[in-house]
Amino acid sequence: MDLHWRNSQKPARFFALDARAFTAIFIFLVHARLWTFVLALAVMVVFWIFERRGLTFEAALRAGRAWIVGRNRPATLGTHKRHWIDFG
């Protein structure tokens, strides 16, 4: 196992998913009800979908914000409007 300073920025993982997905599992363990189990399962599925699309949690938040805002950004002038570009 290569332990080096450059690995300090890597996201924490718990088994196959991001460790933040297991916050919902912890909530289920503390308050075991059907709705907390469904919530934990839904959160884990959402994180799994993010990883399948190649997004980290932060990148998924930025992509969601850009999707909600859309192309029209009223705080900018019409001459400074950005157009979406697909680099992939």
PDB file of N, CA and C in Angstrom:
ATOM      1  N   MET A   1       0.845  -1.174   0.000  1.00  0.00           N
ATOM      2  CA  MET A   1       0.000   0.000   0.000  1.00  0.00           C
ATOM      3  C   MET A   1       0.893   1.242   0.000  1.00  0.00           C
ATOM      4  N   ASP A   2       0.632   2.131  -0.929  1.00  0.00           N
ATOM      5  CA  ASP A   2       1.444   3.328  -1.089  1.00  0.00           C
ATOM      6  C   ASP A   2       0.850   4.466  -0.255  1.00  0.00           C
ATOM      7  N   LEU A   3       1.484   4.787   0.856  1.00  0.00           N
ATOM      8  CA  LEU A   3       1.044   5.893   1.691  1.00  0.00           C
ATOM      9  C   LEU A   3       1.972   7.073   1.430  1.00  0.00           C
ATOM     10  N   HIS A   4       1.422   8.081   0.807  1.00  0.00           N
ATOM     11  CA  HIS A   4       2.211   9.228   0.423  1.00  0.00           C
ATOM     12  C   HIS A   4       1.391  10.483   0.671  1.00  0.00           C
ATOM     13  N   TRP A   5       2.031  11.624   0.765  1.00  0.00           N
ATOM     14  CA  TRP A   5       1.336  12.873   1.066  1.00  0.00           C
ATOM     15  C   TRP A   5       0.331  13.241  -0.013  1.00  0.00           C
ATOM     16  N   ARG A   6       0.558  12.824  -1.250  1.00  0.00           N
ATOM     17  CA  ARG A   6      -0.371  13.195  -2.326  1.00  0.00           C
ATOM     18  C   ARG A   6      -1.714  12.485  -2.201  1.00  0.00           C
ATOM     19  N   ASN A   7      -1.773  11.435  -1.383  1.00  0.00           N
ATOM     20  CA  ASN A   7      -3.027  10.725  -1.175  1.00  0.00           C
ATOM     21  C   ASN A   7      -3.897  11.374  -0.102  1.00  0.00           C
ATOM     22  N   SER A   8      -3.460  12.463   0.480  1.00  0.00           N
ATOM     23  CA  SER A   8      -4.228  13.095   1.545  1.00  0.00           C
ATOM     24  C   SER A   8      -5.481  13.794   1.011  1.00  0.00           C
ATOM     25  N   GLN A   9      -5.557  14.086  -0.262  1.00  0.00           N
ATOM     26  CA  GLN A   9      -6.710  14.770  -0.848  1.00  0.00           C
ATOM     27  C   GLN A   9      -7.770  13.794  -1.357  1.00  0.00           C
ATOM     28  N   LYS A  10      -7.485  12.513  -1.358  1.00  0.00           N
ATOM     29  CA  LYS A  10      -8.444  11.540  -1.866  1.00  0.00           C
ATOM     30  C   LYS A  10      -9.682  11.498  -0.978  1.00  0.00           C
ATOM     31  N   PRO A  11     -10.849  11.290  -1.589  1.00  0.00           N
ATOM     32  CA  PRO A  11     -12.076  11.232  -0.780  1.00  0.00           C
ATOM     33  C   PRO A  11     -12.108   9.976   0.084  1.00  0.00           C
ATOM     34  N   ALA A  12     -12.710  10.116   1.248  1.00  0.00           N
ATOM     35  CA  ALA A  12     -12.833   8.965   2.153  1.00  0.00           C
ATOM     36  C   ALA A  12     -13.847   7.986   1.577  1.00  0.00           C
ATOM     37  N   ARG A  13     -13.506   6.711   1.602  1.00  0.00           N
ATOM     38  CA  ARG A  13     -14.389   5.684   1.053  1.00  0.00           C
ATOM     39  C   ARG A  13     -14.676   4.647   2.125  1.00  0.00           C
ATOM     40  N   PHE A  14     -15.902   4.151   2.102  1.00  0.00           N
ATOM     41  CA  PHE A  14     -16.324   3.087   3.003  1.00  0.00           C
ATOM     42  C   PHE A  14     -16.895   1.993   2.122  1.00  0.00           C
ATOM     43  N   PHE A  15     -16.165   0.895   2.012  1.00  0.00           N
ATOM     44  CA  PHE A  15     -16.462  -0.176   1.064  1.00  0.00           C
ATOM     45  C   PHE A  15     -16.459   0.394  -0.346  1.00  0.00           C
ATOM     46  N   ALA A  16     -17.581   0.397  -1.054  1.00  0.00           N
ATOM     47  CA  ALA A  16     -17.577   0.786  -2.461  1.00  0.00           C
ATOM     48  C   ALA A  16     -18.034   2.216  -2.700  1.00  0.00           C
ATOM     49  N   LEU A  17     -18.557   2.893  -1.675  1.00  0.00           N
ATOM     50  CA  LEU A  17     -19.136   4.218  -1.880  1.00  0.00           C
ATOM     51  C   LEU A  17     -18.379   5.287  -1.103  1.00  0.00           C
ATOM     52  N   ASP A  18     -18.708   6.525  -1.423  1.00  0.00           N
ATOM     53  CA  ASP A  18     -18.180   7.668  -0.691  1.00  0.00           C
ATOM     54  C   ASP A  18     -18.640   7.566   0.765  1.00  0.00           C
ATOM     55  N   ALA A  19     -17.786   7.933   1.691  1.00  0.00           N
ATOM     56  CA  ALA A  19     -18.099   7.787   3.113  1.00  0.00           C
ATOM     57  C   ALA A  19     -19.274   8.659   3.529  1.00  0.00           C
ATOM     58  N   ARG A  20     -19.538   9.744   2.807  1.00  0.00           N
ATOM     59  CA  ARG A  20     -20.677  10.595   3.158  1.00  0.00           C
ATOM     60  C   ARG A  20     -22.011   9.899   2.947  1.00  0.00           C
ATOM     61  N   ALA A  21     -22.052   8.891   2.088  1.00  0.00           N
ATOM     62  CA  ALA A  21     -23.290   8.147   1.869  1.00  0.00           C
ATOM     63  C   ALA A  21     -23.666   7.334   3.097  1.00  0.00           C
ATOM     64  N   PHE A  22     -22.708   6.999   3.921  1.00  0.00           N
ATOM     65  CA  PHE A  22     -22.984   6.181   5.084  1.00  0.00           C
ATOM     66  C   PHE A  22     -23.429   6.991   6.295  1.00  0.00           C
ATOM     67  N   THR A  23     -23.551   8.294   6.139  1.00  0.00           N
ATOM     68  CA  THR A  23     -24.169   9.107   7.175  1.00  0.00           C
ATOM     69  C   THR A  23     -25.630   8.702   7.337  1.00  0.00           C
ATOM     70  N   ALA A  24     -26.283   8.427   6.218  1.00  0.00           N
ATOM     71  CA  ALA A  24     -27.675   7.985   6.276  1.00  0.00           C
ATOM     72  C   ALA A  24     -27.789   6.608   6.925  1.00  0.00           C
ATOM     73  N   ILE A  25     -26.813   5.727   6.708  1.00  0.00           N
ATOM     74  CA  ILE A  25     -26.817   4.417   7.360  1.00  0.00           C
ATOM     75  C   ILE A  25     -26.677   4.596   8.874  1.00  0.00           C
ATOM     76  N   PHE A  26     -25.827   5.521   9.283  1.00  0.00           N
ATOM     77  CA  PHE A  26     -25.664   5.792  10.708  1.00  0.00           C
ATOM     78  C   PHE A  26     -26.974   6.295  11.310  1.00  0.00           C
ATOM     79  N   ILE A  27     -27.671   7.179  10.593  1.00  0.00           N
ATOM     80  CA  ILE A  27     -28.968   7.663  11.074  1.00  0.00           C
ATOM     81  C   ILE A  27     -29.943   6.502  11.202  1.00  0.00           C
ATOM     82  N   PHE A  28     -29.911   5.568  10.244  1.00  0.00           N
ATOM     83  CA  PHE A  28     -30.782   4.398  10.340  1.00  0.00           C
ATOM     84  C   PHE A  28     -30.418   3.530  11.542  1.00  0.00           C
ATOM     85  N   LEU A  29     -29.136   3.374  11.821  1.00  0.00           N
ATOM     86  CA  LEU A  29     -28.737   2.553  12.959  1.00  0.00           C
ATOM     87  C   LEU A  29     -29.155   3.186  14.290  1.00  0.00           C
ATOM     88  N   VAL A  30     -29.152   4.507  14.350  1.00  0.00           N
ATOM     89  CA  VAL A  30     -29.544   5.187  15.573  1.00  0.00           C
ATOM     90  C   VAL A  30     -31.067   5.217  15.723  1.00  0.00           C
ATOM     91  N   HIS A  31     -31.780   5.400  14.619  1.00  0.00           N
ATOM     92  CA  HIS A  31     -33.238   5.524  14.633  1.00  0.00           C
ATOM     93  C   HIS A  31     -33.803   4.538  13.607  1.00  0.00           C
ATOM     94  N   ALA A  32     -33.888   3.271  13.998  1.00  0.00           N
ATOM     95  CA  ALA A  32     -34.275   2.204  13.068  1.00  0.00           C
ATOM     96  C   ALA A  32     -35.786   2.209  12.828  1.00  0.00           C
ATOM     97  N   ARG A  33     -36.161   2.778  11.708  1.00  0.00           N
ATOM     98  CA  ARG A  33     -37.551   2.786  11.259  1.00  0.00           C
ATOM     99  C   ARG A  33     -37.545   2.494   9.762  1.00  0.00           C
ATOM    100  N   LEU A  34     -38.708   2.187   9.241  1.00  0.00           N
ATOM    101  CA  LEU A  34     -38.798   1.876   7.818  1.00  0.00           C
ATOM    102  C   LEU A  34     -38.427   3.086   6.969  1.00  0.00           C
ATOM    103  N   TRP A  35     -38.902   4.267   7.356  1.00  0.00           N
ATOM    104  CA  TRP A  35     -38.626   5.444   6.537  1.00  0.00           C
ATOM    105  C   TRP A  35     -37.141   5.815   6.568  1.00  0.00           C
ATOM    106  N   THR A  36     -36.436   5.574   7.689  1.00  0.00           N
ATOM    107  CA  THR A  36     -35.004   5.867   7.704  1.00  0.00           C
ATOM    108  C   THR A  36     -34.233   4.845   6.872  1.00  0.00           C
ATOM    109  N   PHE A  37     -34.735   3.607   6.827  1.00  0.00           N
ATOM    110  CA  PHE A  37     -34.108   2.608   5.961  1.00  0.00           C
ATOM    111  C   PHE A  37     -34.276   2.988   4.495  1.00  0.00           C
ATOM    112  N   VAL A  38     -35.479   3.413   4.123  1.00  0.00           N
ATOM    113  CA  VAL A  38     -35.732   3.832   2.735  1.00  0.00           C
ATOM    114  C   VAL A  38     -34.903   5.061   2.392  1.00  0.00           C
ATOM    115  N   LEU A  39     -34.784   5.999   3.334  1.00  0.00           N
ATOM    116  CA  LEU A  39     -33.958   7.184   3.113  1.00  0.00           C
ATOM    117  C   LEU A  39     -32.496   6.804   2.910  1.00  0.00           C
ATOM    118  N   ALA A  40     -31.984   5.902   3.753  1.00  0.00           N
ATOM    119  CA  ALA A  40     -30.592   5.471   3.634  1.00  0.00           C
ATOM    120  C   ALA A  40     -30.363   4.764   2.308  1.00  0.00           C
ATOM    121  N   LEU A  41     -31.297   3.932   1.914  1.00  0.00           N
ATOM    122  CA  LEU A  41     -31.172   3.231   0.633  1.00  0.00           C
ATOM    123  C   LEU A  41     -31.200   4.212  -0.540  1.00  0.00           C
ATOM    124  N   ALA A  42     -32.079   5.205  -0.471  1.00  0.00           N
ATOM    125  CA  ALA A  42     -32.165   6.204  -1.539  1.00  0.00           C
ATOM    126  C   ALA A  42     -30.884   7.028  -1.635  1.00  0.00           C
ATOM    127  N   VAL A  43     -30.326   7.413  -0.499  1.00  0.00           N
ATOM    128  CA  VAL A  43     -29.082   8.188  -0.497  1.00  0.00           C
ATOM    129  C   VAL A  43     -27.950   7.367  -1.105  1.00  0.00           C
ATOM    130  N   MET A  44     -27.874   6.095  -0.757  1.00  0.00           N
ATOM    131  CA  MET A  44     -26.817   5.249  -1.307  1.00  0.00           C
ATOM    132  C   MET A  44     -26.986   5.054  -2.815  1.00  0.00           C
ATOM    133  N   VAL A  45     -28.218   4.937  -3.285  1.00  0.00           N
ATOM    134  CA  VAL A  45     -28.456   4.802  -4.729  1.00  0.00           C
ATOM    135  C   VAL A  45     -28.057   6.081  -5.450  1.00  0.00           C
ATOM    136  N   VAL A  46     -28.364   7.236  -4.862  1.00  0.00           N
ATOM    137  CA  VAL A  46     -27.992   8.510  -5.488  1.00  0.00           C
ATOM    138  C   VAL A  46     -26.473   8.638  -5.578  1.00  0.00           C
ATOM    139  N   PHE A  47     -25.763   8.284  -4.512  1.00  0.00           N
ATOM    140  CA  PHE A  47     -24.307   8.339  -4.554  1.00  0.00           C
ATOM    141  C   PHE A  47     -23.741   7.335  -5.571  1.00  0.00           C
ATOM    142  N   TRP A  48     -24.378   6.188  -5.691  1.00  0.00           N
ATOM    143  CA  TRP A  48     -23.938   5.195  -6.676  1.00  0.00           C
ATOM    144  C   TRP A  48     -24.130   5.731  -8.094  1.00  0.00           C
ATOM    145  N   ILE A  49     -25.245   6.407  -8.344  1.00  0.00           N
ATOM    146  CA  ILE A  49     -25.497   6.998  -9.662  1.00  0.00           C
ATOM    147  C   ILE A  49     -24.456   8.080  -9.957  1.00  0.00           C
ATOM    148  N   PHE A  50     -24.126   8.897  -8.954  1.00  0.00           N
ATOM    149  CA  PHE A  50     -23.084   9.909  -9.146  1.00  0.00           C
ATOM    150  C   PHE A  50     -21.778   9.253  -9.585  1.00  0.00           C
ATOM    151  N   GLU A  51     -21.396   8.186  -8.913  1.00  0.00           N
ATOM    152  CA  GLU A  51     -20.129   7.525  -9.245  1.00  0.00           C
ATOM    153  C   GLU A  51     -20.173   6.872 -10.610  1.00  0.00           C
ATOM    154  N   ARG A  52     -21.316   6.328 -11.002  1.00  0.00           N
ATOM    155  CA  ARG A  52     -21.437   5.724 -12.330  1.00  0.00           C
ATOM    156  C   ARG A  52     -21.287   6.771 -13.435  1.00  0.00           C
ATOM    157  N   ARG A  53     -21.711   7.996 -13.143  1.00  0.00           N
ATOM    158  CA  ARG A  53     -21.578   9.083 -14.118  1.00  0.00           C
ATOM    159  C   ARG A  53     -20.215   9.758 -14.046  1.00  0.00           C
ATOM    160  N   GLY A  54     -19.381   9.342 -13.098  1.00  0.00           N
ATOM    161  CA  GLY A  54     -18.034   9.890 -12.984  1.00  0.00           C
ATOM    162  C   GLY A  54     -17.962  11.194 -12.214  1.00  0.00           C
ATOM    163  N   LEU A  55     -18.918  11.442 -11.329  1.00  0.00           N
ATOM    164  CA  LEU A  55     -18.956  12.680 -10.573  1.00  0.00           C
ATOM    165  C   LEU A  55     -18.644  12.431  -9.108  1.00  0.00           C
ATOM    166  N   THR A  56     -17.929  13.354  -8.519  1.00  0.00           N
ATOM    167  CA  THR A  56     -17.803  13.336  -7.066  1.00  0.00           C
ATOM    168  C   THR A  56     -19.024  14.053  -6.495  1.00  0.00           C
ATOM    169  N   PHE A  57     -19.161  14.032  -5.185  1.00  0.00           N
ATOM    170  CA  PHE A  57     -20.319  14.685  -4.570  1.00  0.00           C
ATOM    171  C   PHE A  57     -20.310  16.184  -4.848  1.00  0.00           C
ATOM    172  N   GLU A  58     -19.148  16.812  -4.718  1.00  0.00           N
ATOM    173  CA  GLU A  58     -19.056  18.257  -4.967  1.00  0.00           C
ATOM    174  C   GLU A  58     -19.347  18.593  -6.424  1.00  0.00           C
ATOM    175  N   ALA A  59     -18.822  17.784  -7.347  1.00  0.00           N
ATOM    176  CA  ALA A  59     -19.069  18.022  -8.768  1.00  0.00           C
ATOM    177  C   ALA A  59     -20.538  17.824  -9.107  1.00  0.00           C
ATOM    178  N   ALA A  60     -21.194  16.871  -8.458  1.00  0.00           N
ATOM    179  CA  ALA A  60     -22.623  16.657  -8.688  1.00  0.00           C
ATOM    180  C   ALA A  60     -23.438  17.846  -8.183  1.00  0.00           C
ATOM    181  N   LEU A  61     -23.030  18.431  -7.053  1.00  0.00           N
ATOM    182  CA  LEU A  61     -23.720  19.632  -6.573  1.00  0.00           C
ATOM    183  C   LEU A  61     -23.560  20.789  -7.550  1.00  0.00           C
ATOM    184  N   ARG A  62     -22.350  20.970  -8.077  1.00  0.00           N
ATOM    185  CA  ARG A  62     -22.133  22.038  -9.055  1.00  0.00           C
ATOM    186  C   ARG A  62     -22.927  21.790 -10.335  1.00  0.00           C
ATOM    187  N   ALA A  63     -22.971  20.539 -10.793  1.00  0.00           N
ATOM    188  CA  ALA A  63     -23.729  20.215 -12.004  1.00  0.00           C
ATOM    189  C   ALA A  63     -25.224  20.425 -11.783  1.00  0.00           C
ATOM    190  N   GLY A  64     -25.711  20.075 -10.606  1.00  0.00           N
ATOM    191  CA  GLY A  64     -27.124  20.299 -10.294  1.00  0.00           C
ATOM    192  C   GLY A  64     -27.464  21.772 -10.234  1.00  0.00           C
ATOM    193  N   ARG A  65     -26.574  22.561  -9.652  1.00  0.00           N
ATOM    194  CA  ARG A  65     -26.798  24.007  -9.594  1.00  0.00           C
ATOM    195  C   ARG A  65     -26.807  24.618 -10.995  1.00  0.00           C
ATOM    196  N   ALA A  66     -25.897  24.165 -11.851  1.00  0.00           N
ATOM    197  CA  ALA A  66     -25.859  24.680 -13.222  1.00  0.00           C
ATOM    198  C   ALA A  66     -27.108  24.261 -13.992  1.00  0.00           C
ATOM    199  N   TRP A  67     -27.639  23.055 -13.707  1.00  0.00           N
ATOM    200  CA  TRP A  67     -28.841  22.592 -14.384  1.00  0.00           C
ATOM    201  C   TRP A  67     -30.057  23.405 -13.936  1.00  0.00           C
ATOM    202  N   ILE A  68     -30.125  23.738 -12.635  1.00  0.00           N
ATOM    203  CA  ILE A  68     -31.250  24.517 -12.122  1.00  0.00           C
ATOM    204  C   ILE A  68     -31.213  25.938 -12.666  1.00  0.00           C
ATOM    205  N   VAL A  69     -30.041  26.552 -12.692  1.00  0.00           N
ATOM    206  CA  VAL A  69     -29.918  27.935 -13.150  1.00  0.00           C
ATOM    207  C   VAL A  69     -30.201  28.034 -14.643  1.00  0.00           C
ATOM    208  N   GLY A  70     -29.677  27.092 -15.412  1.00  0.00           N
ATOM    209  CA  GLY A  70     -29.923  27.082 -16.850  1.00  0.00           C
ATOM    210  C   GLY A  70     -29.025  28.045 -17.601  1.00  0.00           C
ATOM    211  N   ARG A  71     -29.395  28.301 -18.852  1.00  0.00           N
ATOM    212  CA  ARG A  71     -28.575  29.162 -19.701  1.00  0.00           C
ATOM    213  C   ARG A  71     -28.779  30.640 -19.396  1.00  0.00           C
ATOM    214  N   ASN A  72     -29.964  31.019 -18.996  1.00  0.00           N
ATOM    215  CA  ASN A  72     -30.263  32.421 -18.750  1.00  0.00           C
ATOM    216  C   ASN A  72     -29.774  32.814 -17.367  1.00  0.00           C
ATOM    217  N   ARG A  73     -28.755  33.651 -17.328  1.00  0.00           N
ATOM    218  CA  ARG A  73     -28.215  34.146 -16.065  1.00  0.00           C
ATOM    219  C   ARG A  73     -28.477  35.648 -16.015  1.00  0.00           C
ATOM    220  N   PRO A  74     -29.539  36.041 -15.369  1.00  0.00           N
ATOM    221  CA  PRO A  74     -29.957  37.435 -15.425  1.00  0.00           C
ATOM    222  C   PRO A  74     -28.992  38.430 -14.781  1.00  0.00           C
ATOM    223  N   ALA A  75     -28.081  37.982 -13.967  1.00  0.00           N
ATOM    224  CA  ALA A  75     -27.149  38.908 -13.339  1.00  0.00           C
ATOM    225  C   ALA A  75     -26.046  39.347 -14.296  1.00  0.00           C
ATOM    226  N   THR A  76     -25.976  38.754 -15.481  1.00  0.00           N
ATOM    227  CA  THR A  76     -24.958  39.136 -16.452  1.00  0.00           C
ATOM    228  C   THR A  76     -25.602  39.867 -17.625  1.00  0.00           C
ATOM    229  N   LEU A  77     -24.808  40.648 -18.303  1.00  0.00           N
ATOM    230  CA  LEU A  77     -25.293  41.334 -19.487  1.00  0.00           C
ATOM    231  C   LEU A  77     -25.492  40.340 -20.621  1.00  0.00           C
ATOM    232  N   GLY A  78     -26.301  40.721 -21.573  1.00  0.00           N
ATOM    233  CA  GLY A  78     -26.546  39.843 -22.712  1.00  0.00           C
ATOM    234  C   GLY A  78     -25.292  39.569 -23.531  1.00  0.00           C
ATOM    235  N   THR A  79     -24.351  40.522 -23.533  1.00  0.00           N
ATOM    236  CA  THR A  79     -23.119  40.321 -24.291  1.00  0.00           C
ATOM    237  C   THR A  79     -22.153  39.395 -23.573  1.00  0.00           C
ATOM    238  N   HIS A  80     -22.341  39.210 -22.264  1.00  0.00           N
ATOM    239  CA  HIS A  80     -21.449  38.359 -21.494  1.00  0.00           C
ATOM    240  C   HIS A  80     -22.047  36.984 -21.216  1.00  0.00           C
ATOM    241  N   LYS A  81     -23.123  36.636 -21.887  1.00  0.00           N
ATOM    242  CA  LYS A  81     -23.762  35.348 -21.658  1.00  0.00           C
ATOM    243  C   LYS A  81     -22.864  34.222 -22.123  1.00  0.00           C
ATOM    244  N   ARG A  82     -22.790  33.200 -21.321  1.00  0.00           N
ATOM    245  CA  ARG A  82     -21.987  32.034 -21.682  1.00  0.00           C
ATOM    246  C   ARG A  82     -22.855  31.017 -22.416  1.00  0.00           C
ATOM    247  N   HIS A  83     -22.231  30.314 -23.323  1.00  0.00           N
ATOM    248  CA  HIS A  83     -22.925  29.242 -24.034  1.00  0.00           C
ATOM    249  C   HIS A  83     -22.333  27.918 -23.592  1.00  0.00           C
ATOM    250  N   TRP A  84     -23.197  26.946 -23.455  1.00  0.00           N
ATOM    251  CA  TRP A  84     -22.731  25.636 -23.026  1.00  0.00           C
ATOM    252  C   TRP A  84     -21.872  24.996 -24.079  1.00  0.00           C
ATOM    253  N   ILE A  85     -20.778  24.375 -23.641  1.00  0.00           N
ATOM    254  CA  ILE A  85     -19.864  23.689 -24.539  1.00  0.00           C
ATOM    255  C   ILE A  85     -19.692  22.268 -24.024  1.00  0.00           C
ATOM    256  N   ASP A  86     -19.787  21.313 -24.918  1.00  0.00           N
ATOM    257  CA  ASP A  86     -19.594  19.922 -24.538  1.00  0.00           C
ATOM    258  C   ASP A  86     -18.177  19.511 -24.884  1.00  0.00           C
ATOM    259  N   PHE A  87     -17.332  19.336 -23.853  1.00  0.00           N
ATOM    260  CA  PHE A  87     -15.955  18.951 -24.081  1.00  0.00           C
ATOM    261  C   PHE A  87     -15.788  17.444 -24.132  1.00  0.00           C
ATOM    262  N   GLY A  88     -16.853  16.704 -23.933  1.00  0.00           N
ATOM    263  CA  GLY A  88     -16.722  15.257 -23.861  1.00  0.00           C
ATOM    264  C   GLY A  88     -17.198  14.634 -25.086  1.00  0.00           C
TER     265      GLY A  88
END
